[in-house]
mmCIF file of all heavy atoms, coordinates in Angstrom:
data_MODEL
# 
_entry.id   MODEL 
# 
loop_
_atom_site.group_PDB 
_atom_site.id 
_atom_site.type_symbol 
_atom_site.label_atom_id 
_atom_site.label_alt_id 
_atom_site.label_comp_id 
_atom_site.label_asym_id 
_atom_site.label_entity_id 
_atom_site.label_seq_id 
_atom_site.pdbx_PDB_ins_code 
_atom_site.Cartn_x 
_atom_site.Cartn_y 
_atom_site.Cartn_z 
_atom_site.occupancy 
_atom_site.B_iso_or_equiv 
_atom_site.pdbx_formal_charge 
_atom_site.auth_seq_id 
_atom_site.auth_comp_id 
_atom_site.auth_asym_id 
_atom_site.auth_atom_id 
_atom_site.pdbx_PDB_model_num 
ATOM 1   N N   . ARG A 1 1  ? 3.771   -6.901  -9.014 1.00 0.00 ? 1  ARG A N   1 
ATOM 2   C CA  . ARG A 1 1  ? 3.857   -5.533  -8.635 1.00 0.00 ? 1  ARG A CA  1 
ATOM 3   C C   . ARG A 1 1  ? 4.600   -5.422  -7.244 1.00 0.00 ? 1  ARG A C   1 
ATOM 4   O O   . ARG A 1 1  ? 4.438   -6.321  -6.398 1.00 0.00 ? 1  ARG A O   1 
ATOM 5   C CB  . ARG A 1 1  ? 2.501   -4.914  -8.528 1.00 0.00 ? 1  ARG A CB  1 
ATOM 6   C CG  . ARG A 1 1  ? 2.531   -3.417  -8.107 1.00 0.00 ? 1  ARG A CG  1 
ATOM 7   C CD  . ARG A 1 1  ? 1.130   -2.828  -7.984 1.00 0.00 ? 1  ARG A CD  1 
ATOM 8   N NE  . ARG A 1 1  ? 1.171   -1.489  -7.443 1.00 0.00 ? 1  ARG A NE  1 
ATOM 9   C CZ  . ARG A 1 1  ? 0.131   -0.760  -7.114 1.00 0.00 ? 1  ARG A CZ  1 
ATOM 10  N NH1 . ARG A 1 1  ? -1.082  -1.316  -7.301 1.00 0.00 ? 1  ARG A NH1 1 
ATOM 11  N NH2 . ARG A 1 1  ? 0.214   0.435   -6.659 1.00 0.00 ? 1  ARG A NH2 1 
ATOM 12  N N   . ARG A 1 2  ? 5.321   -4.368  -7.095 1.00 0.00 ? 2  ARG A N   1 
ATOM 13  C CA  . ARG A 1 2  ? 6.067   -4.190  -5.796 1.00 0.00 ? 2  ARG A CA  1 
ATOM 14  C C   . ARG A 1 2  ? 5.693   -2.810  -5.194 1.00 0.00 ? 2  ARG A C   1 
ATOM 15  O O   . ARG A 1 2  ? 5.476   -1.815  -5.888 1.00 0.00 ? 2  ARG A O   1 
ATOM 16  C CB  . ARG A 1 2  ? 7.586   -4.242  -6.021 1.00 0.00 ? 2  ARG A CB  1 
ATOM 17  C CG  . ARG A 1 2  ? 8.125   -5.555  -6.579 1.00 0.00 ? 2  ARG A CG  1 
ATOM 18  C CD  . ARG A 1 2  ? 9.597   -5.431  -6.844 1.00 0.00 ? 2  ARG A CD  1 
ATOM 19  N NE  . ARG A 1 2  ? 10.171  -6.586  -7.484 1.00 0.00 ? 2  ARG A NE  1 
ATOM 20  C CZ  . ARG A 1 2  ? 10.927  -7.508  -6.818 1.00 0.00 ? 2  ARG A CZ  1 
ATOM 21  N NH1 . ARG A 1 2  ? 11.168  -7.325  -5.526 1.00 0.00 ? 2  ARG A NH1 1 
ATOM 22  N NH2 . ARG A 1 2  ? 11.426  -8.541  -7.432 1.00 0.00 ? 2  ARG A NH2 1 
ATOM 23  N N   . ILE A 1 3  ? 5.719   -2.779  -3.874 1.00 0.00 ? 3  ILE A N   1 
ATOM 24  C CA  . ILE A 1 3  ? 5.667   -1.523  -3.093 1.00 0.00 ? 3  ILE A CA  1 
ATOM 25  C C   . ILE A 1 3  ? 6.833   -1.568  -2.097 1.00 0.00 ? 3  ILE A C   1 
ATOM 26  O O   . ILE A 1 3  ? 7.005   -2.594  -1.418 1.00 0.00 ? 3  ILE A O   1 
ATOM 27  C CB  . ILE A 1 3  ? 4.310   -1.365  -2.342 1.00 0.00 ? 3  ILE A CB  1 
ATOM 28  C CG1 . ILE A 1 3  ? 3.163   -1.115  -3.350 1.00 0.00 ? 3  ILE A CG1 1 
ATOM 29  C CG2 . ILE A 1 3  ? 4.446   -0.188  -1.385 1.00 0.00 ? 3  ILE A CG2 1 
ATOM 30  C CD1 . ILE A 1 3  ? 1.816   -0.929  -2.683 1.00 0.00 ? 3  ILE A CD1 1 
ATOM 31  N N   . THR A 1 4  ? 7.550   -0.480  -1.976 1.00 0.00 ? 4  THR A N   1 
ATOM 32  C CA  . THR A 1 4  ? 8.703   -0.444  -1.097 1.00 0.00 ? 4  THR A CA  1 
ATOM 33  C C   . THR A 1 4  ? 8.295   0.174   0.233  1.00 0.00 ? 4  THR A C   1 
ATOM 34  O O   . THR A 1 4  ? 7.739   1.273   0.264  1.00 0.00 ? 4  THR A O   1 
ATOM 35  C CB  . THR A 1 4  ? 9.901   0.366   -1.719 1.00 0.00 ? 4  THR A CB  1 
ATOM 36  O OG1 . THR A 1 4  ? 10.248  -0.275  -2.966 1.00 0.00 ? 4  THR A OG1 1 
ATOM 37  C CG2 . THR A 1 4  ? 11.069  0.378   -0.744 1.00 0.00 ? 4  THR A CG2 1 
ATOM 38  N N   . LEU A 1 5  ? 8.576   -0.502  1.334  1.00 0.00 ? 5  LEU A N   1 
ATOM 39  C CA  . LEU A 1 5  ? 8.376   -0.005  2.698  1.00 0.00 ? 5  LEU A CA  1 
ATOM 40  C C   . LEU A 1 5  ? 9.450   1.006   2.962  1.00 0.00 ? 5  LEU A C   1 
ATOM 41  O O   . LEU A 1 5  ? 10.664  0.636   2.976  1.00 0.00 ? 5  LEU A O   1 
ATOM 42  C CB  . LEU A 1 5  ? 8.386   -1.114  3.690  1.00 0.00 ? 5  LEU A CB  1 
ATOM 43  C CG  . LEU A 1 5  ? 7.153   -1.965  3.838  1.00 0.00 ? 5  LEU A CG  1 
ATOM 44  C CD1 . LEU A 1 5  ? 7.422   -3.149  4.796  1.00 0.00 ? 5  LEU A CD1 1 
ATOM 45  C CD2 . LEU A 1 5  ? 5.958   -1.181  4.309  1.00 0.00 ? 5  LEU A CD2 1 
ATOM 46  N N   . LYS A 1 6  ? 9.108   2.249   3.254  1.00 0.00 ? 6  LYS A N   1 
ATOM 47  C CA  . LYS A 1 6  ? 10.067  3.269   3.582  1.00 0.00 ? 6  LYS A CA  1 
ATOM 48  C C   . LYS A 1 6  ? 9.367   4.416   4.320  1.00 0.00 ? 6  LYS A C   1 
ATOM 49  O O   . LYS A 1 6  ? 8.152   4.498   4.311  1.00 0.00 ? 6  LYS A O   1 
ATOM 50  C CB  . LYS A 1 6  ? 10.744  3.819   2.337  1.00 0.00 ? 6  LYS A CB  1 
ATOM 51  C CG  . LYS A 1 6  ? 9.719   4.447   1.315  1.00 0.00 ? 6  LYS A CG  1 
ATOM 52  C CD  . LYS A 1 6  ? 10.433  4.927   0.036  1.00 0.00 ? 6  LYS A CD  1 
ATOM 53  C CE  . LYS A 1 6  ? 9.425   5.517   -0.898 1.00 0.00 ? 6  LYS A CE  1 
ATOM 54  N NZ  . LYS A 1 6  ? 10.077  5.973   -2.165 1.00 0.00 ? 6  LYS A NZ  1 
ATOM 55  N N   . ALA A 1 7  ? 10.123  5.281   4.989  1.00 0.00 ? 7  ALA A N   1 
ATOM 56  C CA  . ALA A 1 7  ? 9.551   6.393   5.676  1.00 0.00 ? 7  ALA A CA  1 
ATOM 57  C C   . ALA A 1 7  ? 9.147   7.470   4.627  1.00 0.00 ? 7  ALA A C   1 
ATOM 58  O O   . ALA A 1 7  ? 9.823   7.641   3.616  1.00 0.00 ? 7  ALA A O   1 
ATOM 59  C CB  . ALA A 1 7  ? 10.581  6.973   6.673  1.00 0.00 ? 7  ALA A CB  1 
ATOM 60  N N   . PRO A 1 8  ? 8.083   8.182   4.891  1.00 0.00 ? 8  PRO A N   1 
ATOM 61  C CA  . PRO A 1 8  ? 7.153   8.010   6.044  1.00 0.00 ? 8  PRO A CA  1 
ATOM 62  C C   . PRO A 1 8  ? 6.237   6.820   5.869  1.00 0.00 ? 8  PRO A C   1 
ATOM 63  O O   . PRO A 1 8  ? 5.595   6.678   4.810  1.00 0.00 ? 8  PRO A O   1 
ATOM 64  C CB  . PRO A 1 8  ? 6.370   9.324   6.031  1.00 0.00 ? 8  PRO A CB  1 
ATOM 65  C CG  . PRO A 1 8  ? 6.401   9.814   4.647  1.00 0.00 ? 8  PRO A CG  1 
ATOM 66  C CD  . PRO A 1 8  ? 7.649   9.345   4.069  1.00 0.00 ? 8  PRO A CD  1 
ATOM 67  N N   . LEU A 1 9  ? 6.135   5.976   6.876  1.00 0.00 ? 9  LEU A N   1 
ATOM 68  C CA  . LEU A 1 9  ? 5.369   4.753   6.770  1.00 0.00 ? 9  LEU A CA  1 
ATOM 69  C C   . LEU A 1 9  ? 3.892   4.964   6.553  1.00 0.00 ? 9  LEU A C   1 
ATOM 70  O O   . LEU A 1 9  ? 3.246   4.201   5.871  1.00 0.00 ? 9  LEU A O   1 
ATOM 71  C CB  . LEU A 1 9  ? 5.607   3.923   8.044  1.00 0.00 ? 9  LEU A CB  1 
ATOM 72  C CG  . LEU A 1 9  ? 5.104   2.495   8.003  1.00 0.00 ? 9  LEU A CG  1 
ATOM 73  C CD1 . LEU A 1 9  ? 5.764   1.731   6.908  1.00 0.00 ? 9  LEU A CD1 1 
ATOM 74  C CD2 . LEU A 1 9  ? 5.392   1.794   9.341  1.00 0.00 ? 9  LEU A CD2 1 
ATOM 75  N N   . ALA A 1 10 ? 3.366   6.086   7.085  1.00 0.00 ? 10 ALA A N   1 
ATOM 76  C CA  . ALA A 1 10 ? 1.928   6.360   6.918  1.00 0.00 ? 10 ALA A CA  1 
ATOM 77  C C   . ALA A 1 10 ? 1.549   6.476   5.459  1.00 0.00 ? 10 ALA A C   1 
ATOM 78  O O   . ALA A 1 10 ? 0.435   6.038   5.026  1.00 0.00 ? 10 ALA A O   1 
ATOM 79  C CB  . ALA A 1 10 ? 1.561   7.647   7.665  1.00 0.00 ? 10 ALA A CB  1 
ATOM 80  N N   . GLN A 1 11 ? 2.427   7.011   4.631  1.00 0.00 ? 11 GLN A N   1 
ATOM 81  C CA  . GLN A 1 11 ? 2.150   7.151   3.221  1.00 0.00 ? 11 GLN A CA  1 
ATOM 82  C C   . GLN A 1 11 ? 2.059   5.826   2.541  1.00 0.00 ? 11 GLN A C   1 
ATOM 83  O O   . GLN A 1 11 ? 1.179   5.554   1.684  1.00 0.00 ? 11 GLN A O   1 
ATOM 84  C CB  . GLN A 1 11 ? 3.237   8.052   2.554  1.00 0.00 ? 11 GLN A CB  1 
ATOM 85  C CG  . GLN A 1 11 ? 3.030   8.295   1.090  1.00 0.00 ? 11 GLN A CG  1 
ATOM 86  C CD  . GLN A 1 11 ? 4.055   9.258   0.548  1.00 0.00 ? 11 GLN A CD  1 
ATOM 87  O OE1 . GLN A 1 11 ? 4.614   10.101  1.269  1.00 0.00 ? 11 GLN A OE1 1 
ATOM 88  N NE2 . GLN A 1 11 ? 4.343   9.116   -0.758 1.00 0.00 ? 11 GLN A NE2 1 
ATOM 89  N N   . VAL A 1 12 ? 2.958   4.892   2.908  1.00 0.00 ? 12 VAL A N   1 
ATOM 90  C CA  . VAL A 1 12 ? 2.953   3.542   2.347  1.00 0.00 ? 12 VAL A CA  1 
ATOM 91  C C   . VAL A 1 12 ? 1.702   2.807   2.787  1.00 0.00 ? 12 VAL A C   1 
ATOM 92  O O   . VAL A 1 12 ? 1.046   2.043   1.993  1.00 0.00 ? 12 VAL A O   1 
ATOM 93  C CB  . VAL A 1 12 ? 4.221   2.787   2.793  1.00 0.00 ? 12 VAL A CB  1 
ATOM 94  C CG1 . VAL A 1 12 ? 4.228   1.362   2.245  1.00 0.00 ? 12 VAL A CG1 1 
ATOM 95  C CG2 . VAL A 1 12 ? 5.506   3.498   2.298  1.00 0.00 ? 12 VAL A CG2 1 
ATOM 96  N N   . MET A 1 13 ? 1.316   2.982   4.068  1.00 0.00 ? 13 MET A N   1 
ATOM 97  C CA  . MET A 1 13 ? 0.106   2.314   4.581  1.00 0.00 ? 13 MET A CA  1 
ATOM 98  C C   . MET A 1 13 ? -1.129  2.803   3.808  1.00 0.00 ? 13 MET A C   1 
ATOM 99  O O   . MET A 1 13 ? -2.031  2.027   3.513  1.00 0.00 ? 13 MET A O   1 
ATOM 100 C CB  . MET A 1 13 ? 0.024   2.578   6.069  1.00 0.00 ? 13 MET A CB  1 
ATOM 101 C CG  . MET A 1 13 ? 1.116   2.054   6.903  1.00 0.00 ? 13 MET A CG  1 
ATOM 102 S SD  . MET A 1 13 ? 1.026   0.239   7.188  1.00 0.00 ? 13 MET A SD  1 
ATOM 103 C CE  . MET A 1 13 ? -0.171  0.236   8.531  1.00 0.00 ? 13 MET A CE  1 
ATOM 104 N N   . ASP A 1 14 ? -1.163  4.090   3.545  1.00 0.00 ? 14 ASP A N   1 
ATOM 105 C CA  . ASP A 1 14 ? -2.284  4.606   2.795  1.00 0.00 ? 14 ASP A CA  1 
ATOM 106 C C   . ASP A 1 14 ? -2.406  3.979   1.410  1.00 0.00 ? 14 ASP A C   1 
ATOM 107 O O   . ASP A 1 14 ? -3.506  3.587   0.962  1.00 0.00 ? 14 ASP A O   1 
ATOM 108 C CB  . ASP A 1 14 ? -2.169  6.136   2.651  1.00 0.00 ? 14 ASP A CB  1 
ATOM 109 C CG  . ASP A 1 14 ? -2.404  6.891   3.900  1.00 0.00 ? 14 ASP A CG  1 
ATOM 110 O OD1 . ASP A 1 14 ? -2.969  6.305   4.870  1.00 0.00 ? 14 ASP A OD1 1 
ATOM 111 O OD2 . ASP A 1 14 ? -1.970  8.058   4.033  1.00 0.00 ? 14 ASP A OD2 1 
ATOM 112 N N   . GLU A 1 15 ? -1.281  3.885   0.732  1.00 0.00 ? 15 GLU A N   1 
ATOM 113 C CA  . GLU A 1 15 ? -1.242  3.279   -0.583 1.00 0.00 ? 15 GLU A CA  1 
ATOM 114 C C   . GLU A 1 15 ? -1.657  1.834   -0.559 1.00 0.00 ? 15 GLU A C   1 
ATOM 115 O O   . GLU A 1 15 ? -2.454  1.348   -1.400 1.00 0.00 ? 15 GLU A O   1 
ATOM 116 C CB  . GLU A 1 15 ? 0.147   3.408   -1.169 1.00 0.00 ? 15 GLU A CB  1 
ATOM 117 C CG  . GLU A 1 15 ? 0.247   2.845   -2.601 1.00 0.00 ? 15 GLU A CG  1 
ATOM 118 C CD  . GLU A 1 15 ? 1.679   2.916   -3.155 1.00 0.00 ? 15 GLU A CD  1 
ATOM 119 O OE1 . GLU A 1 15 ? 2.578   3.479   -2.441 1.00 0.00 ? 15 GLU A OE1 1 
ATOM 120 O OE2 . GLU A 1 15 ? 1.898   2.515   -4.282 1.00 0.00 ? 15 GLU A OE2 1 
ATOM 121 N N   . LEU A 1 16 ? -1.152  1.088   0.407  1.00 0.00 ? 16 LEU A N   1 
ATOM 122 C CA  . LEU A 1 16 ? -1.446  -0.311  0.539  1.00 0.00 ? 16 LEU A CA  1 
ATOM 123 C C   . LEU A 1 16 ? -2.892  -0.555  0.855  1.00 0.00 ? 16 LEU A C   1 
ATOM 124 O O   . LEU A 1 16 ? -3.549  -1.412  0.263  1.00 0.00 ? 16 LEU A O   1 
ATOM 125 C CB  . LEU A 1 16 ? -0.581  -0.975  1.627  1.00 0.00 ? 16 LEU A CB  1 
ATOM 126 C CG  . LEU A 1 16 ? -0.832  -2.443  1.920  1.00 0.00 ? 16 LEU A CG  1 
ATOM 127 C CD1 . LEU A 1 16 ? -0.606  -3.290  0.668  1.00 0.00 ? 16 LEU A CD1 1 
ATOM 128 C CD2 . LEU A 1 16 ? 0.109   -2.940  3.021  1.00 0.00 ? 16 LEU A CD2 1 
ATOM 129 N N   . GLU A 1 17 ? -3.450  0.227   1.770  1.00 0.00 ? 17 GLU A N   1 
ATOM 130 C CA  . GLU A 1 17 ? -4.891  0.100   2.086  1.00 0.00 ? 17 GLU A CA  1 
ATOM 131 C C   . GLU A 1 17 ? -5.737  0.416   0.897  1.00 0.00 ? 17 GLU A C   1 
ATOM 132 O O   . GLU A 1 17 ? -6.754  -0.316  0.651  1.00 0.00 ? 17 GLU A O   1 
ATOM 133 C CB  . GLU A 1 17 ? -5.214  1.059   3.221  1.00 0.00 ? 17 GLU A CB  1 
ATOM 134 C CG  . GLU A 1 17 ? -6.686  1.012   3.659  1.00 0.00 ? 17 GLU A CG  1 
ATOM 135 C CD  . GLU A 1 17 ? -7.012  1.932   4.773  1.00 0.00 ? 17 GLU A CD  1 
ATOM 136 O OE1 . GLU A 1 17 ? -6.285  2.887   5.015  1.00 0.00 ? 17 GLU A OE1 1 
ATOM 137 O OE2 . GLU A 1 17 ? -8.060  1.654   5.492  1.00 0.00 ? 17 GLU A OE2 1 
ATOM 138 N N   . GLN A 1 18 ? -5.412  1.424   0.109  1.00 0.00 ? 18 GLN A N   1 
ATOM 139 C CA  . GLN A 1 18 ? -6.189  1.758   -1.079 1.00 0.00 ? 18 GLN A CA  1 
ATOM 140 C C   . GLN A 1 18 ? -6.179  0.618   -2.084 1.00 0.00 ? 18 GLN A C   1 
ATOM 141 O O   . GLN A 1 18 ? -7.244  0.249   -2.670 1.00 0.00 ? 18 GLN A O   1 
ATOM 142 C CB  . GLN A 1 18 ? -5.631  3.036   -1.759 1.00 0.00 ? 18 GLN A CB  1 
ATOM 143 C CG  . GLN A 1 18 ? -6.526  3.668   -2.762 1.00 0.00 ? 18 GLN A CG  1 
ATOM 144 C CD  . GLN A 1 18 ? -7.844  4.245   -2.182 1.00 0.00 ? 18 GLN A CD  1 
ATOM 145 O OE1 . GLN A 1 18 ? -7.784  4.808   -1.092 1.00 0.00 ? 18 GLN A OE1 1 
ATOM 146 N NE2 . GLN A 1 18 ? -8.905  3.945   -2.870 1.00 0.00 ? 18 GLN A NE2 1 
ATOM 147 N N   . VAL A 1 19 ? -5.023  0.024   -2.302 1.00 0.00 ? 19 VAL A N   1 
ATOM 148 C CA  . VAL A 1 19 ? -4.885  -1.086  -3.261 1.00 0.00 ? 19 VAL A CA  1 
ATOM 149 C C   . VAL A 1 19 ? -5.687  -2.277  -2.835 1.00 0.00 ? 19 VAL A C   1 
ATOM 150 O O   . VAL A 1 19 ? -6.419  -2.916  -3.589 1.00 0.00 ? 19 VAL A O   1 
ATOM 151 C CB  . VAL A 1 19 ? -3.434  -1.455  -3.452 1.00 0.00 ? 19 VAL A CB  1 
ATOM 152 C CG1 . VAL A 1 19 ? -3.288  -2.777  -4.233 1.00 0.00 ? 19 VAL A CG1 1 
ATOM 153 C CG2 . VAL A 1 19 ? -2.686  -0.351  -4.174 1.00 0.00 ? 19 VAL A CG2 1 
ATOM 154 N N   . VAL A 1 20 ? -5.595  -2.619  -1.535 1.00 0.00 ? 20 VAL A N   1 
ATOM 155 C CA  . VAL A 1 20 ? -6.280  -3.835  -1.010 1.00 0.00 ? 20 VAL A CA  1 
ATOM 156 C C   . VAL A 1 20 ? -7.800  -3.631  -1.070 1.00 0.00 ? 20 VAL A C   1 
ATOM 157 O O   . VAL A 1 20 ? -8.561  -4.528  -1.478 1.00 0.00 ? 20 VAL A O   1 
ATOM 158 C CB  . VAL A 1 20 ? -5.852  -4.100  0.432  1.00 0.00 ? 20 VAL A CB  1 
ATOM 159 C CG1 . VAL A 1 20 ? -6.723  -5.191  1.076  1.00 0.00 ? 20 VAL A CG1 1 
ATOM 160 C CG2 . VAL A 1 20 ? -4.383  -4.524  0.437  1.00 0.00 ? 20 VAL A CG2 1 
ATOM 161 N N   . VAL A 1 21 ? -8.279  -2.451  -0.680 1.00 0.00 ? 21 VAL A N   1 
ATOM 162 C CA  . VAL A 1 21 ? -9.716  -2.218  -0.637 1.00 0.00 ? 21 VAL A CA  1 
ATOM 163 C C   . VAL A 1 21 ? -10.288 -2.123  -2.038 1.00 0.00 ? 21 VAL A C   1 
ATOM 164 O O   . VAL A 1 21 ? -11.367 -2.667  -2.337 1.00 0.00 ? 21 VAL A O   1 
ATOM 165 C CB  . VAL A 1 21 ? -10.026 -0.912  0.155  1.00 0.00 ? 21 VAL A CB  1 
ATOM 166 C CG1 . VAL A 1 21 ? -11.485 -0.545  0.006  1.00 0.00 ? 21 VAL A CG1 1 
ATOM 167 C CG2 . VAL A 1 21 ? -9.640  -1.109  1.606  1.00 0.00 ? 21 VAL A CG2 1 
ATOM 168 N N   . ASP A 1 22 ? -9.571  -1.473  -2.969 1.00 0.00 ? 22 ASP A N   1 
ATOM 169 C CA  . ASP A 1 22 ? -10.086 -1.269  -4.335 1.00 0.00 ? 22 ASP A CA  1 
ATOM 170 C C   . ASP A 1 22 ? -10.001 -2.472  -5.207 1.00 0.00 ? 22 ASP A C   1 
ATOM 171 O O   . ASP A 1 22 ? -10.882 -2.762  -6.028 1.00 0.00 ? 22 ASP A O   1 
ATOM 172 C CB  . ASP A 1 22 ? -9.410  -0.043  -4.965 1.00 0.00 ? 22 ASP A CB  1 
ATOM 173 C CG  . ASP A 1 22 ? -9.810  1.244   -4.311 1.00 0.00 ? 22 ASP A CG  1 
ATOM 174 O OD1 . ASP A 1 22 ? -10.716 1.268   -3.534 1.00 0.00 ? 22 ASP A OD1 1 
ATOM 175 O OD2 . ASP A 1 22 ? -9.112  2.287   -4.604 1.00 0.00 ? 22 ASP A OD2 1 
ATOM 176 N N   . HIS A 1 23 ? -8.849  -3.175  -5.132 1.00 0.00 ? 23 HIS A N   1 
ATOM 177 C CA  . HIS A 1 23 ? -8.593  -4.227  -6.068 1.00 0.00 ? 23 HIS A CA  1 
ATOM 178 C C   . HIS A 1 23 ? -8.496  -5.616  -5.478 1.00 0.00 ? 23 HIS A C   1 
ATOM 179 O O   . HIS A 1 23 ? -8.652  -6.592  -6.230 1.00 0.00 ? 23 HIS A O   1 
ATOM 180 C CB  . HIS A 1 23 ? -7.277  -3.921  -6.847 1.00 0.00 ? 23 HIS A CB  1 
ATOM 181 C CG  . HIS A 1 23 ? -7.265  -2.555  -7.489 1.00 0.00 ? 23 HIS A CG  1 
ATOM 182 N ND1 . HIS A 1 23 ? -8.032  -2.238  -8.571 1.00 0.00 ? 23 HIS A ND1 1 
ATOM 183 C CD2 . HIS A 1 23 ? -6.548  -1.434  -7.133 1.00 0.00 ? 23 HIS A CD2 1 
ATOM 184 C CE1 . HIS A 1 23 ? -7.815  -0.964  -8.855 1.00 0.00 ? 23 HIS A CE1 1 
ATOM 185 N NE2 . HIS A 1 23 ? -6.917  -0.444  -8.071 1.00 0.00 ? 23 HIS A NE2 1 
ATOM 186 N N   . GLY A 1 24 ? -8.245  -5.704  -4.209 1.00 0.00 ? 24 GLY A N   1 
ATOM 187 C CA  . GLY A 1 24 ? -8.218  -6.997  -3.549 1.00 0.00 ? 24 GLY A CA  1 
ATOM 188 C C   . GLY A 1 24 ? -7.210  -7.979  -4.112 1.00 0.00 ? 24 GLY A C   1 
ATOM 189 O O   . GLY A 1 24 ? -7.546  -9.165  -4.282 1.00 0.00 ? 24 GLY A O   1 
ATOM 190 N N   . PRO A 1 25 ? -5.946  -7.593  -4.395 1.00 0.00 ? 25 PRO A N   1 
ATOM 191 C CA  . PRO A 1 25 ? -4.986  -8.555  -4.907 1.00 0.00 ? 25 PRO A CA  1 
ATOM 192 C C   . PRO A 1 25 ? -4.483  -9.436  -3.792 1.00 0.00 ? 25 PRO A C   1 
ATOM 193 O O   . PRO A 1 25 ? -4.692  -9.185  -2.590 1.00 0.00 ? 25 PRO A O   1 
ATOM 194 C CB  . PRO A 1 25 ? -3.839  -7.645  -5.416 1.00 0.00 ? 25 PRO A CB  1 
ATOM 195 C CG  . PRO A 1 25 ? -3.887  -6.435  -4.520 1.00 0.00 ? 25 PRO A CG  1 
ATOM 196 C CD  . PRO A 1 25 ? -5.356  -6.263  -4.238 1.00 0.00 ? 25 PRO A CD  1 
ATOM 197 N N   . ARG A 1 26 ? -3.786  -10.493 -4.155 1.00 0.00 ? 26 ARG A N   1 
ATOM 198 C CA  . ARG A 1 26 ? -3.132  -11.343 -3.205 1.00 0.00 ? 26 ARG A CA  1 
ATOM 199 C C   . ARG A 1 26 ? -1.813  -10.637 -2.769 1.00 0.00 ? 26 ARG A C   1 
ATOM 200 O O   . ARG A 1 26 ? -0.927  -10.412 -3.629 1.00 0.00 ? 26 ARG A O   1 
ATOM 201 C CB  . ARG A 1 26 ? -2.847  -12.745 -3.719 1.00 0.00 ? 26 ARG A CB  1 
ATOM 202 C CG  . ARG A 1 26 ? -4.097  -13.540 -4.004 1.00 0.00 ? 26 ARG A CG  1 
ATOM 203 C CD  . ARG A 1 26 ? -3.817  -14.955 -4.481 1.00 0.00 ? 26 ARG A CD  1 
ATOM 204 N NE  . ARG A 1 26 ? -3.142  -14.964 -5.793 1.00 0.00 ? 26 ARG A NE  1 
ATOM 205 C CZ  . ARG A 1 26 ? -3.831  -15.023 -6.972 1.00 0.00 ? 26 ARG A CZ  1 
ATOM 206 N NH1 . ARG A 1 26 ? -5.159  -15.037 -6.942 1.00 0.00 ? 26 ARG A NH1 1 
ATOM 207 N NH2 . ARG A 1 26 ? -3.170  -15.030 -8.120 1.00 0.00 ? 26 ARG A NH2 1 
# 
């Protein structure tokens, strides 16, 4: 799976935090 870093960065950070906390992928 891929996530693209782009503006607004806060939105990407929210998505990444949700994925890490909920699913804990590498």
